[in-house]
Amino acid sequence: MYELKRRCVKLVERHNKLKGARVEKGLTQEDMAERIGISTYSYLMKENGKRDFTLTEMKKICKILGKELSEIF
């Protein structure tokens, strides 16, 4: 049970970091999806933690947002 709670907390933290950095740059989820080359639906699912970003997608996101991988993921 503890492991599940820990995983949920990590997902929420990642979502908050990613969303915060995206909003700070004035980008929508649709903007991000287009820039990294995936559908808006896929981006929504991934930002909300229901699916995982690929390493390539994570690198593109970091480049767009001007952040290091460890700052978001």
Protein backbone atom coordinates (compact mmCIF):
# COMPACT_ATOMS: atom_id res chain seq x y z
CA MET A 1 0.00 0.00 0.00
CA TYR A 2 2.85 2.37 0.84
CA GLU A 3 4.41 1.85 -2.61
CA LEU A 4 1.14 2.71 -4.36
CA LYS A 5 0.78 5.90 -2.33
CA ARG A 6 4.41 6.83 -3.10
CA ARG A 7 3.84 6.29 -6.83
CA CYS A 8 0.70 8.44 -6.77
CA VAL A 9 2.55 11.25 -5.01
CA LYS A 10 5.34 11.10 -7.61
CA LEU A 11 2.81 11.28 -10.46
CA VAL A 12 1.13 14.32 -8.92
CA GLU A 13 4.48 16.02 -8.39
CA ARG A 14 5.52 15.34 -12.00
CA HIS A 15 2.18 16.65 -13.27
CA ASN A 16 2.54 19.83 -11.21
CA LYS A 17 6.13 20.44 -12.36
CA LEU A 18 5.32 19.82 -16.01
CA LYS A 19 2.11 21.84 -16.01
CA GLY A 20 3.75 24.69 -14.09
CA ALA A 21 6.68 24.90 -16.52
CA ARG A 22 4.33 24.70 -19.51
CA VAL A 23 2.02 27.42 -18.22
CA GLU A 24 5.02 29.57 -17.26
CA LYS A 25 6.06 29.48 -20.94
CA GLY A 26 2.49 30.35 -22.02
CA LEU A 27 1.96 27.03 -23.80
CA THR A 28 -1.18 24.93 -23.96
CA GLN A 29 -1.31 21.16 -23.96
CA GLU A 30 -2.20 21.40 -27.64
CA ASP A 31 0.93 23.49 -28.28
CA MET A 32 3.11 20.95 -26.51
CA ALA A 33 1.58 18.01 -28.35
CA GLU A 34 2.18 19.67 -31.70
CA ARG A 35 5.77 20.60 -30.85
CA ILE A 36 6.74 17.11 -29.72
CA GLY A 37 4.82 15.40 -32.53
CA ILE A 38 2.06 13.51 -30.73
CA SER A 39 -1.72 13.87 -30.60
CA THR A 40 -3.28 16.21 -28.07
CA TYR A 41 -5.07 13.24 -26.50
CA SER A 42 -1.78 11.38 -26.04
CA TYR A 43 -0.19 14.43 -24.49
CA LEU A 44 -3.14 14.89 -22.10
CA MET A 45 -2.93 11.25 -21.00
CA LYS A 46 0.83 11.48 -20.50
CA GLU A 47 0.84 14.82 -18.67
CA ASN A 48 -1.85 13.48 -16.34
CA GLY A 49 0.20 10.34 -15.60
CA LYS A 50 -2.09 7.83 -17.27
CA ARG A 51 0.64 6.96 -19.80
CA ASP A 52 4.40 7.43 -19.86
CA PHE A 53 6.39 9.77 -22.06
CA THR A 54 9.17 8.18 -24.10
CA LEU A 55 12.72 9.35 -23.42
CA THR A 56 12.71 11.16 -26.77
CA GLU A 57 9.48 12.97 -25.84
CA MET A 58 10.88 13.91 -22.42
CA LYS A 59 14.00 15.38 -24.04
CA LYS A 60 11.89 17.39 -26.50
CA ILE A 61 9.72 18.68 -23.65
CA CYS A 62 12.76 19.78 -21.66
CA LYS A 63 14.22 21.56 -24.67
CA ILE A 64 10.94 23.39 -25.33
CA LEU A 65 10.58 24.40 -21.68
CA GLY A 66 14.25 25.21 -21.12
CA LYS A 67 14.53 22.76 -18.22
CA GLU A 68 16.78 19.86 -17.31
CA LEU A 69 15.30 16.35 -17.33
CA SER A 70 15.72 16.10 -13.55
CA GLU A 71 13.75 19.32 -13.00
CA ILE A 72 10.58 17.85 -14.46
CA PHE A 73 10.87 14.08 -14.60
